[in-house]
């Protein structure tokens, strides 16, 4: 029981209820886009209060990123240790190849919206870009530990940027998202040679 003058304590959402709200958010987001997404509309569709949404995700950027991460391997690919740099990189790329085209389209729309919304841009950097790139960093760390390669900070930085941008760049240049063969070719012709050069 709350003491006099103490704010009432709010119970945390159950994993099932959180998943329901995120699924409804993603569905609405695909219909109206990021800029058209309104918290009251999400609350109505998910049968909850706007206060619940703000308490759990602190606003639209956090809610949208949570919704995307809950349904996309692109947000945080699994970290697989295959024993070689190439094998690790291919394993990460194969996961990206299985991401649905609808999610890629949504990610492209969010990237565009983030150019005009700094709160969204910051949330994407914190919750999407860093987690998505971490398997690449760990693959490089393992290859360095095996003395397979030796890289400096600048090479890591550029590879990280290219890795994150390749799905959208392929769509921009050719109108299609990358499949497995394209991504494996990217590993063999760009990532492995660049990382092995030094």
N, C-alpha and C. Protein backbone atom coordinates (compact mmCIF):
# COMPACT_ATOMS: atom_id res chain seq x y z
N UNK A 1 0.85 -1.19 0.00
CA UNK A 1 0.00 0.00 0.00
C UNK A 1 0.87 1.23 0.00
N UNK A 2 0.50 2.25 -0.75
CA UNK A 2 1.30 3.46 -0.85
C UNK A 2 1.15 4.32 0.39
N UNK A 3 2.26 4.94 0.85
CA UNK A 3 2.20 5.87 1.96
C UNK A 3 1.49 7.15 1.54
N UNK A 4 0.99 7.96 2.52
CA UNK A 4 0.36 9.21 2.19
C UNK A 4 1.33 10.11 1.43
N UNK A 5 0.88 10.68 0.33
CA UNK A 5 1.70 11.58 -0.47
C UNK A 5 2.61 10.88 -1.46
N UNK A 6 2.71 9.55 -1.35
CA UNK A 6 3.57 8.79 -2.28
C UNK A 6 2.81 8.53 -3.57
N UNK A 7 3.51 8.65 -4.70
CA UNK A 7 2.88 8.38 -6.00
C UNK A 7 2.55 6.91 -6.12
N UNK A 8 1.41 6.59 -6.70
CA UNK A 8 1.08 5.18 -6.88
C UNK A 8 2.09 4.48 -7.76
N UNK A 9 2.40 3.26 -7.44
CA UNK A 9 3.36 2.48 -8.24
C UNK A 9 2.63 1.81 -9.39
N UNK A 10 3.28 1.86 -10.55
CA UNK A 10 2.67 1.27 -11.74
C UNK A 10 3.30 -0.10 -11.99
N UNK A 11 2.48 -1.08 -12.21
CA UNK A 11 3.00 -2.41 -12.49
C UNK A 11 3.61 -2.44 -13.88
N UNK A 12 4.66 -3.21 -14.02
CA UNK A 12 5.35 -3.34 -15.29
C UNK A 12 4.52 -4.22 -16.22
N UNK A 13 4.59 -3.91 -17.52
CA UNK A 13 3.85 -4.71 -18.50
C UNK A 13 4.41 -6.13 -18.54
N UNK A 14 3.52 -7.09 -18.71
CA UNK A 14 3.97 -8.47 -18.88
C UNK A 14 4.60 -8.60 -20.27
N UNK A 15 5.49 -9.55 -20.46
CA UNK A 15 6.09 -9.75 -21.79
C UNK A 15 5.04 -9.95 -22.88
N UNK A 16 3.96 -10.66 -22.56
CA UNK A 16 2.90 -10.90 -23.55
C UNK A 16 2.21 -9.59 -23.92
N UNK A 17 1.91 -8.76 -22.92
CA UNK A 17 1.22 -7.49 -23.20
C UNK A 17 2.13 -6.53 -23.94
N UNK A 18 3.40 -6.52 -23.59
CA UNK A 18 4.36 -5.67 -24.28
C UNK A 18 4.46 -6.08 -25.75
N UNK A 19 4.51 -7.39 -26.00
CA UNK A 19 4.59 -7.88 -27.38
C UNK A 19 3.35 -7.49 -28.17
N UNK A 20 2.18 -7.51 -27.54
CA UNK A 20 0.95 -7.11 -28.22
C UNK A 20 1.01 -5.65 -28.64
N UNK A 21 1.45 -4.79 -27.73
CA UNK A 21 1.51 -3.35 -28.03
C UNK A 21 2.52 -3.09 -29.15
N UNK A 22 3.67 -3.75 -29.10
CA UNK A 22 4.69 -3.56 -30.13
C UNK A 22 4.21 -4.06 -31.49
N UNK A 23 3.47 -5.17 -31.50
CA UNK A 23 2.94 -5.69 -32.76
C UNK A 23 1.92 -4.72 -33.36
N UNK A 24 1.07 -4.16 -32.53
CA UNK A 24 0.08 -3.18 -33.02
C UNK A 24 0.78 -1.92 -33.51
N UNK A 25 1.84 -1.53 -32.82
CA UNK A 25 2.60 -0.35 -33.24
C UNK A 25 3.21 -0.57 -34.62
N UNK A 26 3.81 -1.73 -34.82
CA UNK A 26 4.45 -2.03 -36.10
C UNK A 26 3.42 -2.07 -37.22
N UNK A 27 2.26 -2.65 -36.95
CA UNK A 27 1.20 -2.70 -37.96
C UNK A 27 0.73 -1.32 -38.35
N UNK A 28 0.53 -0.46 -37.37
CA UNK A 28 0.09 0.91 -37.64
C UNK A 28 1.18 1.70 -38.34
N UNK A 29 2.43 1.46 -37.94
CA UNK A 29 3.55 2.15 -38.56
C UNK A 29 3.66 1.83 -40.04
N UNK A 30 3.42 0.59 -40.40
CA UNK A 30 3.47 0.19 -41.81
C UNK A 30 2.35 0.85 -42.61
N UNK A 31 1.25 1.17 -41.94
CA UNK A 31 0.11 1.79 -42.62
C UNK A 31 0.29 3.30 -42.81
N UNK A 32 0.78 3.99 -41.77
CA UNK A 32 0.78 5.46 -41.81
C UNK A 32 2.17 6.08 -41.83
N UNK A 33 3.22 5.29 -41.61
CA UNK A 33 4.57 5.84 -41.58
C UNK A 33 4.90 6.48 -40.24
N UNK A 34 6.19 6.78 -40.07
CA UNK A 34 6.63 7.31 -38.78
C UNK A 34 6.00 8.67 -38.48
N UNK A 35 6.02 9.55 -39.45
CA UNK A 35 5.52 10.90 -39.20
C UNK A 35 4.02 10.92 -38.96
N UNK A 36 3.28 9.96 -39.52
CA UNK A 36 1.84 9.91 -39.32
C UNK A 36 1.43 9.14 -38.08
N UNK A 37 2.39 8.52 -37.42
CA UNK A 37 2.09 7.72 -36.23
C UNK A 37 1.82 8.63 -35.03
N UNK A 38 0.65 8.48 -34.42
CA UNK A 38 0.28 9.28 -33.25
C UNK A 38 0.07 8.36 -32.06
N UNK A 39 0.53 8.80 -30.90
CA UNK A 39 0.43 7.98 -29.70
C UNK A 39 -1.02 7.64 -29.33
N UNK A 40 -1.98 8.57 -29.45
CA UNK A 40 -3.36 8.19 -29.15
C UNK A 40 -3.88 7.07 -30.06
N UNK A 41 -3.46 7.09 -31.34
CA UNK A 41 -3.89 6.05 -32.27
C UNK A 41 -3.30 4.70 -31.88
N UNK A 42 -2.03 4.70 -31.46
CA UNK A 42 -1.41 3.46 -31.00
C UNK A 42 -2.13 2.94 -29.76
N UNK A 43 -2.40 3.85 -28.82
CA UNK A 43 -3.07 3.46 -27.57
C UNK A 43 -4.44 2.85 -27.85
N UNK A 44 -5.18 3.46 -28.77
CA UNK A 44 -6.52 2.95 -29.11
C UNK A 44 -6.42 1.57 -29.74
N UNK A 45 -5.49 1.42 -30.67
CA UNK A 45 -5.36 0.15 -31.38
C UNK A 45 -4.87 -0.97 -30.44
N UNK A 46 -3.99 -0.60 -29.50
CA UNK A 46 -3.43 -1.59 -28.59
C UNK A 46 -4.23 -1.74 -27.30
N UNK A 47 -5.32 -0.95 -27.19
CA UNK A 47 -6.19 -1.00 -26.02
C UNK A 47 -5.43 -0.74 -24.72
N UNK A 48 -4.71 0.39 -24.72
CA UNK A 48 -3.99 0.81 -23.53
C UNK A 48 -4.02 2.33 -23.47
N UNK A 49 -3.47 2.90 -22.44
CA UNK A 49 -3.44 4.36 -22.31
C UNK A 49 -2.14 4.92 -22.89
N UNK A 50 -2.18 6.19 -23.29
CA UNK A 50 -0.95 6.82 -23.77
C UNK A 50 0.07 6.90 -22.64
N UNK A 51 -0.42 7.03 -21.40
CA UNK A 51 0.49 7.09 -20.25
C UNK A 51 1.30 5.80 -20.14
N UNK A 52 0.66 4.67 -20.42
CA UNK A 52 1.36 3.38 -20.39
C UNK A 52 2.49 3.36 -21.41
N UNK A 53 2.22 3.87 -22.60
CA UNK A 53 3.23 3.89 -23.66
C UNK A 53 4.41 4.77 -23.27
N UNK A 54 4.12 5.98 -22.79
CA UNK A 54 5.20 6.89 -22.42
C UNK A 54 5.99 6.36 -21.23
N UNK A 55 5.31 5.72 -20.29
CA UNK A 55 5.99 5.18 -19.13
C UNK A 55 6.94 4.05 -19.53
N UNK A 56 6.51 3.25 -20.48
CA UNK A 56 7.31 2.08 -20.88
C UNK A 56 8.41 2.42 -21.87
N UNK A 57 8.11 3.33 -22.84
CA UNK A 57 9.07 3.58 -23.93
C UNK A 57 9.49 5.04 -24.07
N UNK A 58 8.99 5.91 -23.23
CA UNK A 58 9.41 7.32 -23.20
C UNK A 58 9.15 8.09 -24.49
N UNK A 59 8.12 7.71 -25.22
CA UNK A 59 7.76 8.47 -26.41
C UNK A 59 7.84 7.68 -27.70
N UNK A 60 7.54 8.36 -28.79
CA UNK A 60 7.45 7.70 -30.09
C UNK A 60 8.76 7.07 -30.57
N UNK A 61 9.91 7.75 -30.51
CA UNK A 61 11.13 7.12 -31.01
C UNK A 61 11.45 5.80 -30.31
N UNK A 62 11.34 5.80 -28.97
CA UNK A 62 11.63 4.57 -28.23
C UNK A 62 10.66 3.46 -28.53
N UNK A 63 9.38 3.81 -28.67
CA UNK A 63 8.35 2.82 -28.99
C UNK A 63 8.59 2.20 -30.36
N UNK A 64 8.87 3.04 -31.34
CA UNK A 64 9.07 2.56 -32.71
C UNK A 64 10.31 1.67 -32.82
N UNK A 65 11.40 2.07 -32.18
CA UNK A 65 12.60 1.25 -32.22
C UNK A 65 12.38 -0.09 -31.51
N UNK A 66 11.65 -0.07 -30.40
CA UNK A 66 11.35 -1.33 -29.71
C UNK A 66 10.50 -2.24 -30.58
N UNK A 67 9.54 -1.65 -31.29
CA UNK A 67 8.69 -2.44 -32.19
C UNK A 67 9.51 -3.06 -33.31
N UNK A 68 10.41 -2.28 -33.89
CA UNK A 68 11.24 -2.79 -34.98
C UNK A 68 12.18 -3.89 -34.48
N UNK A 69 12.80 -3.67 -33.35
CA UNK A 69 13.75 -4.65 -32.82
C UNK A 69 13.05 -5.95 -32.42
N UNK A 70 11.81 -5.85 -32.02
CA UNK A 70 11.10 -7.06 -31.58
C UNK A 70 10.73 -7.97 -32.74
N UNK A 71 10.80 -7.45 -33.98
CA UNK A 71 10.36 -8.24 -35.14
C UNK A 71 11.42 -8.35 -36.22
N UNK A 72 12.65 -7.87 -35.98
CA UNK A 72 13.63 -7.83 -37.05
C UNK A 72 14.98 -8.35 -36.61
N UNK A 73 15.58 -9.25 -37.41
CA UNK A 73 16.94 -9.70 -37.15
C UNK A 73 17.95 -8.62 -37.48
N UNK A 74 17.56 -7.67 -38.32
CA UNK A 74 18.48 -6.61 -38.71
C UNK A 74 18.86 -5.77 -37.50
N UNK A 75 17.94 -5.66 -36.53
CA UNK A 75 18.21 -4.83 -35.36
C UNK A 75 19.35 -5.40 -34.53
N UNK A 76 19.45 -6.70 -34.42
CA UNK A 76 20.52 -7.29 -33.61
C UNK A 76 20.78 -8.72 -34.05
N UNK A 77 21.60 -8.89 -35.11
CA UNK A 77 21.90 -10.25 -35.57
C UNK A 77 22.59 -11.06 -34.48
N UNK A 78 22.37 -12.36 -34.50
CA UNK A 78 23.02 -13.23 -33.53
C UNK A 78 24.53 -13.25 -33.78
N UNK A 79 25.28 -13.45 -32.72
CA UNK A 79 26.73 -13.49 -32.82
C UNK A 79 27.17 -14.94 -32.94
N UNK A 80 27.67 -15.34 -34.11
CA UNK A 80 28.05 -16.72 -34.36
C UNK A 80 29.56 -16.83 -34.57
N UNK A 81 30.20 -17.69 -33.80
CA UNK A 81 31.64 -17.90 -33.92
C UNK A 81 31.89 -19.16 -34.78
N UNK A 82 32.29 -18.94 -36.02
CA UNK A 82 32.52 -20.07 -36.93
C UNK A 82 33.98 -20.49 -36.98
N UNK A 83 34.85 -19.71 -36.39
CA UNK A 83 36.27 -20.05 -36.38
C UNK A 83 37.11 -19.31 -37.40
N UNK A 84 36.44 -18.60 -38.35
CA UNK A 84 37.18 -17.79 -39.33
C UNK A 84 36.47 -16.46 -39.51
N UNK A 85 37.24 -15.47 -39.94
CA UNK A 85 36.66 -14.15 -40.18
C UNK A 85 35.58 -14.23 -41.26
N UNK A 86 35.89 -14.87 -42.38
CA UNK A 86 34.92 -14.96 -43.47
C UNK A 86 33.65 -15.69 -43.01
N UNK A 87 33.84 -16.78 -42.30
CA UNK A 87 32.68 -17.53 -41.84
C UNK A 87 31.79 -16.71 -40.91
N UNK A 88 32.40 -15.95 -40.01
CA UNK A 88 31.63 -15.11 -39.10
C UNK A 88 30.86 -14.04 -39.87
N UNK A 89 31.53 -13.40 -40.84
CA UNK A 89 30.88 -12.33 -41.61
C UNK A 89 29.74 -12.88 -42.46
N UNK A 90 29.95 -14.03 -43.08
CA UNK A 90 28.89 -14.64 -43.88
C UNK A 90 27.70 -15.00 -43.00
N UNK A 91 27.96 -15.50 -41.79
CA UNK A 91 26.88 -15.87 -40.88
C UNK A 91 26.01 -14.67 -40.53
N UNK A 92 26.64 -13.53 -40.30
CA UNK A 92 25.88 -12.31 -40.00
C UNK A 92 25.08 -11.87 -41.23
N UNK A 93 25.71 -11.90 -42.39
CA UNK A 93 25.04 -11.46 -43.61
C UNK A 93 23.87 -12.37 -43.97
N UNK A 94 23.99 -13.65 -43.71
CA UNK A 94 22.89 -14.56 -44.00
C UNK A 94 21.64 -14.22 -43.19
N UNK A 95 21.85 -13.75 -41.97
CA UNK A 95 20.71 -13.33 -41.16
C UNK A 95 20.03 -12.10 -41.75
N UNK A 96 20.83 -11.17 -42.24
CA UNK A 96 20.27 -9.97 -42.86
C UNK A 96 19.46 -10.35 -44.10
N UNK A 97 19.93 -11.35 -44.85
CA UNK A 97 19.25 -11.77 -46.07
C UNK A 97 17.85 -12.30 -45.79
N UNK A 98 17.60 -12.75 -44.56
CA UNK A 98 16.29 -13.30 -44.23
C UNK A 98 15.33 -12.26 -43.66
N UNK A 99 15.79 -11.02 -43.50
CA UNK A 99 14.90 -9.98 -43.00
C UNK A 99 13.86 -9.67 -44.08
N UNK A 100 12.62 -9.54 -43.67
CA UNK A 100 11.53 -9.32 -44.62
C UNK A 100 11.71 -7.98 -45.35
N UNK A 101 11.29 -7.97 -46.62
CA UNK A 101 11.39 -6.74 -47.41
C UNK A 101 10.58 -5.62 -46.77
N UNK A 102 9.45 -5.96 -46.13
CA UNK A 102 8.63 -4.93 -45.49
C UNK A 102 9.40 -4.23 -44.37
N UNK A 103 10.24 -5.00 -43.66
CA UNK A 103 11.03 -4.41 -42.58
C UNK A 103 12.14 -3.53 -43.13
N UNK A 104 12.72 -3.96 -44.25
CA UNK A 104 13.74 -3.13 -44.90
C UNK A 104 13.14 -1.81 -45.37
N UNK A 105 11.93 -1.89 -45.93
CA UNK A 105 11.25 -0.68 -46.39
C UNK A 105 10.98 0.25 -45.22
N UNK A 106 10.54 -0.32 -44.12
CA UNK A 106 10.26 0.47 -42.93
C UNK A 106 11.53 1.11 -42.39
N UNK A 107 12.62 0.37 -42.39
CA UNK A 107 13.88 0.91 -41.91
C UNK A 107 14.35 2.07 -42.78
N UNK A 108 14.16 1.94 -44.09
CA UNK A 108 14.52 3.03 -45.00
C UNK A 108 13.69 4.28 -44.71
N UNK A 109 12.41 4.09 -44.43
CA UNK A 109 11.54 5.22 -44.11
C UNK A 109 11.95 5.88 -42.80
N UNK A 110 12.35 5.07 -41.83
CA UNK A 110 12.79 5.62 -40.55
C UNK A 110 14.10 6.39 -40.71
N UNK A 111 15.00 5.86 -41.53
CA UNK A 111 16.27 6.56 -41.76
C UNK A 111 16.00 7.94 -42.38
N UNK A 112 15.04 7.99 -43.30
CA UNK A 112 14.69 9.26 -43.92
C UNK A 112 14.07 10.21 -42.90
N UNK A 113 13.17 9.70 -42.07
CA UNK A 113 12.52 10.53 -41.06
C UNK A 113 13.52 11.04 -40.03
N UNK A 114 14.55 10.26 -39.74
CA UNK A 114 15.52 10.65 -38.72
C UNK A 114 16.34 11.87 -39.13
N UNK A 115 16.37 12.18 -40.43
CA UNK A 115 17.11 13.35 -40.89
C UNK A 115 16.43 14.64 -40.44
N UNK A 116 15.14 14.55 -40.10
CA UNK A 116 14.40 15.73 -39.66
C UNK A 116 13.97 15.63 -38.20
N UNK A 117 14.29 14.52 -37.57
CA UNK A 117 13.86 14.30 -36.18
C UNK A 117 15.06 13.81 -35.38
N UNK A 118 15.70 14.72 -34.64
CA UNK A 118 16.92 14.37 -33.92
C UNK A 118 16.67 13.35 -32.83
N UNK A 119 15.49 13.41 -32.20
CA UNK A 119 15.18 12.43 -31.15
C UNK A 119 15.14 11.02 -31.74
N UNK A 120 14.54 10.88 -32.92
CA UNK A 120 14.51 9.59 -33.59
C UNK A 120 15.91 9.18 -34.00
N UNK A 121 16.69 10.12 -34.53
CA UNK A 121 18.06 9.80 -34.97
C UNK A 121 18.90 9.29 -33.81
N UNK A 122 18.80 9.95 -32.66
CA UNK A 122 19.58 9.54 -31.49
C UNK A 122 19.14 8.16 -31.00
N UNK A 123 17.83 7.92 -31.01
CA UNK A 123 17.32 6.63 -30.57
C UNK A 123 17.76 5.52 -31.52
N UNK A 124 17.78 5.81 -32.83
CA UNK A 124 18.24 4.81 -33.80
C UNK A 124 19.72 4.50 -33.59
N UNK A 125 20.51 5.51 -33.29
CA UNK A 125 21.94 5.27 -33.04
C UNK A 125 22.14 4.39 -31.82
N UNK A 126 21.37 4.66 -30.76
CA UNK A 126 21.54 3.94 -29.51
C UNK A 126 20.97 2.52 -29.56
N UNK A 127 19.79 2.38 -30.14
CA UNK A 127 19.07 1.12 -30.03
C UNK A 127 19.14 0.24 -31.27
N UNK A 128 19.57 0.81 -32.39
CA UNK A 128 19.58 0.03 -33.64
C UNK A 128 20.98 -0.09 -34.22
N UNK A 129 21.64 1.03 -34.47
CA UNK A 129 22.93 1.00 -35.15
C UNK A 129 23.99 0.26 -34.36
N UNK A 130 24.13 0.60 -33.08
CA UNK A 130 25.18 -0.05 -32.27
C UNK A 130 24.93 -1.54 -32.09
N UNK A 131 23.71 -1.96 -31.70
CA UNK A 131 23.48 -3.41 -31.57
C UNK A 131 23.65 -4.16 -32.89
N UNK A 132 23.20 -3.55 -34.00
CA UNK A 132 23.31 -4.22 -35.29
C UNK A 132 24.76 -4.41 -35.70
N UNK A 133 25.61 -3.46 -35.35
CA UNK A 133 27.01 -3.54 -35.74
C UNK A 133 27.88 -4.36 -34.82
N UNK A 134 27.39 -4.67 -33.62
CA UNK A 134 28.24 -5.35 -32.64
C UNK A 134 28.70 -6.74 -33.08
N UNK A 135 27.90 -7.56 -33.78
CA UNK A 135 28.44 -8.85 -34.26
C UNK A 135 29.62 -8.67 -35.20
N UNK A 136 29.62 -7.60 -36.00
CA UNK A 136 30.76 -7.32 -36.87
C UNK A 136 31.99 -7.00 -36.03
N UNK A 137 31.81 -6.16 -35.01
CA UNK A 137 32.94 -5.82 -34.14
C UNK A 137 33.50 -7.06 -33.45
N UNK A 138 32.63 -7.94 -32.97
CA UNK A 138 33.11 -9.13 -32.28
C UNK A 138 33.79 -10.10 -33.24
N UNK A 139 33.29 -10.17 -34.49
CA UNK A 139 33.95 -11.01 -35.49
C UNK A 139 35.36 -10.50 -35.76
N UNK A 140 35.51 -9.18 -35.83
CA UNK A 140 36.84 -8.59 -36.03
C UNK A 140 37.72 -8.87 -34.83
N UNK A 141 37.17 -8.72 -33.61
CA UNK A 141 37.95 -8.98 -32.40
C UNK A 141 38.48 -10.42 -32.38
N UNK A 142 37.61 -11.37 -32.76
CA UNK A 142 38.04 -12.77 -32.76
C UNK A 142 39.14 -13.01 -33.80
N UNK A 143 38.98 -12.39 -34.97
CA UNK A 143 39.99 -12.56 -36.02
C UNK A 143 41.33 -11.95 -35.60
N UNK A 144 41.30 -10.83 -34.90
CA UNK A 144 42.53 -10.21 -34.39
C UNK A 144 43.17 -11.13 -33.35
N UNK A 145 42.35 -11.69 -32.44
CA UNK A 145 42.86 -12.59 -31.40
C UNK A 145 43.50 -13.84 -32.01
N UNK A 146 42.97 -14.30 -33.15
CA UNK A 146 43.54 -15.46 -33.83
C UNK A 146 44.75 -15.08 -34.69
N UNK A 147 45.06 -13.78 -34.72
CA UNK A 147 46.13 -13.23 -35.57
C UNK A 147 45.84 -13.46 -37.04
N UNK A 148 44.56 -13.53 -37.36
CA UNK A 148 44.13 -13.67 -38.75
C UNK A 148 44.24 -12.34 -39.48
N UNK A 149 43.99 -11.25 -38.75
CA UNK A 149 44.06 -9.90 -39.31
C UNK A 149 44.62 -8.95 -38.26
N UNK A 150 44.95 -7.74 -38.71
CA UNK A 150 45.34 -6.66 -37.82
C UNK A 150 44.75 -5.38 -38.38
N UNK A 151 43.83 -4.75 -37.63
CA UNK A 151 43.13 -3.58 -38.15
C UNK A 151 43.22 -2.42 -37.15
N UNK A 152 43.10 -1.21 -37.68
CA UNK A 152 43.09 -0.05 -36.81
C UNK A 152 41.66 0.49 -36.68
N UNK A 153 41.51 1.54 -35.88
CA UNK A 153 40.17 2.07 -35.58
C UNK A 153 39.47 2.62 -36.82
N UNK A 154 40.22 3.21 -37.73
CA UNK A 154 39.59 3.79 -38.91
C UNK A 154 38.99 2.72 -39.82
N UNK A 155 39.70 1.58 -39.96
CA UNK A 155 39.18 0.49 -40.78
C UNK A 155 37.90 -0.06 -40.16
N UNK A 156 37.89 -0.23 -38.84
CA UNK A 156 36.70 -0.70 -38.14
C UNK A 156 35.53 0.25 -38.39
N UNK A 157 35.80 1.52 -38.27
CA UNK A 157 34.74 2.53 -38.42
C UNK A 157 34.11 2.48 -39.80
N UNK A 158 34.94 2.45 -40.83
CA UNK A 158 34.41 2.44 -42.20
C UNK A 158 33.67 1.13 -42.50
N UNK A 159 34.19 0.02 -42.05
CA UNK A 159 33.51 -1.25 -42.28
C UNK A 159 32.16 -1.28 -41.56
N UNK A 160 32.13 -0.72 -40.37
CA UNK A 160 30.88 -0.66 -39.60
C UNK A 160 29.84 0.15 -40.36
N UNK A 161 30.24 1.30 -40.91
CA UNK A 161 29.31 2.16 -41.64
C UNK A 161 28.80 1.47 -42.90
N UNK A 162 29.71 0.84 -43.65
CA UNK A 162 29.30 0.17 -44.88
C UNK A 162 28.39 -1.01 -44.58
N UNK A 163 28.72 -1.75 -43.53
CA UNK A 163 27.91 -2.90 -43.13
C UNK A 163 26.47 -2.48 -42.84
N UNK A 164 26.31 -1.38 -42.12
CA UNK A 164 24.97 -0.93 -41.76
C UNK A 164 24.21 -0.37 -42.95
N UNK A 165 24.92 0.19 -43.91
CA UNK A 165 24.24 0.87 -45.01
C UNK A 165 23.98 0.00 -46.23
N UNK A 166 24.61 -1.15 -46.32
CA UNK A 166 24.56 -1.93 -47.56
C UNK A 166 23.15 -2.35 -47.98
N UNK A 167 22.25 -2.75 -47.05
CA UNK A 167 20.91 -3.13 -47.52
C UNK A 167 20.16 -1.97 -48.17
N UNK A 168 20.30 -0.77 -47.59
CA UNK A 168 19.59 0.38 -48.14
C UNK A 168 20.28 0.90 -49.41
N UNK A 169 21.61 0.83 -49.44
CA UNK A 169 22.33 1.29 -50.63
C UNK A 169 21.99 0.44 -51.84
N UNK A 170 21.86 -0.86 -51.65
CA UNK A 170 21.50 -1.76 -52.76
C UNK A 170 20.13 -1.40 -53.30
N UNK A 171 19.20 -1.11 -52.42
CA UNK A 171 17.85 -0.75 -52.86
C UNK A 171 17.86 0.59 -53.59
N UNK A 172 18.63 1.54 -53.09
CA UNK A 172 18.71 2.85 -53.72
C UNK A 172 19.31 2.76 -55.12
N UNK A 173 20.36 1.95 -55.28
CA UNK A 173 21.06 1.87 -56.56
C UNK A 173 20.35 0.98 -57.58
N UNK A 174 19.69 -0.09 -57.12
CA UNK A 174 19.16 -1.07 -58.07
C UNK A 174 17.68 -1.36 -57.89
N UNK A 175 17.06 -0.82 -56.85
CA UNK A 175 15.63 -1.02 -56.65
C UNK A 175 15.26 -2.34 -56.02
N UNK A 176 16.25 -3.09 -55.54
CA UNK A 176 15.97 -4.37 -54.86
C UNK A 176 16.82 -4.45 -53.60
N UNK A 177 16.34 -5.24 -52.64
CA UNK A 177 17.13 -5.46 -51.44
C UNK A 177 18.06 -6.65 -51.65
N UNK A 178 19.19 -6.69 -50.94
CA UNK A 178 20.18 -7.76 -51.18
C UNK A 178 19.71 -9.13 -50.76
N UNK A 179 20.04 -10.13 -51.59
CA UNK A 179 19.77 -11.51 -51.22
C UNK A 179 21.07 -12.12 -50.68
N UNK A 180 21.04 -13.41 -50.37
CA UNK A 180 22.20 -14.05 -49.77
C UNK A 180 23.42 -14.00 -50.68
N UNK A 181 23.24 -14.28 -51.96
CA UNK A 181 24.38 -14.29 -52.88
C UNK A 181 25.05 -12.92 -52.95
N UNK A 182 24.25 -11.88 -52.98
CA UNK A 182 24.81 -10.53 -53.02
C UNK A 182 25.61 -10.24 -51.75
N UNK A 183 25.06 -10.60 -50.59
CA UNK A 183 25.71 -10.31 -49.32
C UNK A 183 27.00 -11.12 -49.14
N UNK A 184 26.99 -12.39 -49.58
CA UNK A 184 28.21 -13.19 -49.52
C UNK A 184 29.26 -12.60 -50.46
N UNK A 185 28.83 -12.15 -51.63
CA UNK A 185 29.75 -11.48 -52.55
C UNK A 185 30.34 -10.22 -51.95
N UNK A 186 29.52 -9.50 -51.18
CA UNK A 186 29.99 -8.29 -50.50
C UNK A 186 31.07 -8.65 -49.47
N UNK A 187 30.87 -9.74 -48.77
CA UNK A 187 31.87 -10.20 -47.80
C UNK A 187 33.17 -10.53 -48.51
N UNK A 188 33.08 -11.28 -49.62
CA UNK A 188 34.28 -11.78 -50.30
C UNK A 188 35.03 -10.69 -51.07
N UNK A 189 34.31 -9.73 -51.63
CA UNK A 189 34.98 -8.73 -52.47
C UNK A 189 35.29 -7.42 -51.76
N UNK A 190 34.62 -7.17 -50.64
CA UNK A 190 34.84 -5.89 -49.94
C UNK A 190 35.35 -6.10 -48.52
N UNK A 191 34.53 -6.72 -47.66
CA UNK A 191 34.89 -6.78 -46.24
C UNK A 191 36.16 -7.57 -45.96
N UNK A 192 36.25 -8.80 -46.46
CA UNK A 192 37.43 -9.61 -46.17
C UNK A 192 38.71 -9.00 -46.74
N UNK A 193 38.73 -8.56 -48.01
CA UNK A 193 39.95 -7.93 -48.53
C UNK A 193 40.36 -6.68 -47.76
N UNK A 194 39.39 -5.85 -47.41
CA UNK A 194 39.72 -4.61 -46.68
C UNK A 194 40.28 -4.93 -45.29
N UNK A 195 39.64 -5.85 -44.59
CA UNK A 195 40.08 -6.18 -43.25
C UNK A 195 41.40 -6.96 -43.25
N UNK A 196 41.65 -7.73 -44.31
CA UNK A 196 42.88 -8.52 -44.38
C UNK A 196 44.05 -7.74 -44.92
N UNK A 197 43.81 -6.60 -45.53
CA UNK A 197 44.86 -5.82 -46.20
C UNK A 197 45.96 -5.43 -45.24
N UNK A 198 45.57 -5.10 -43.99
CA UNK A 198 46.58 -4.64 -43.03
C UNK A 198 46.99 -5.73 -42.07
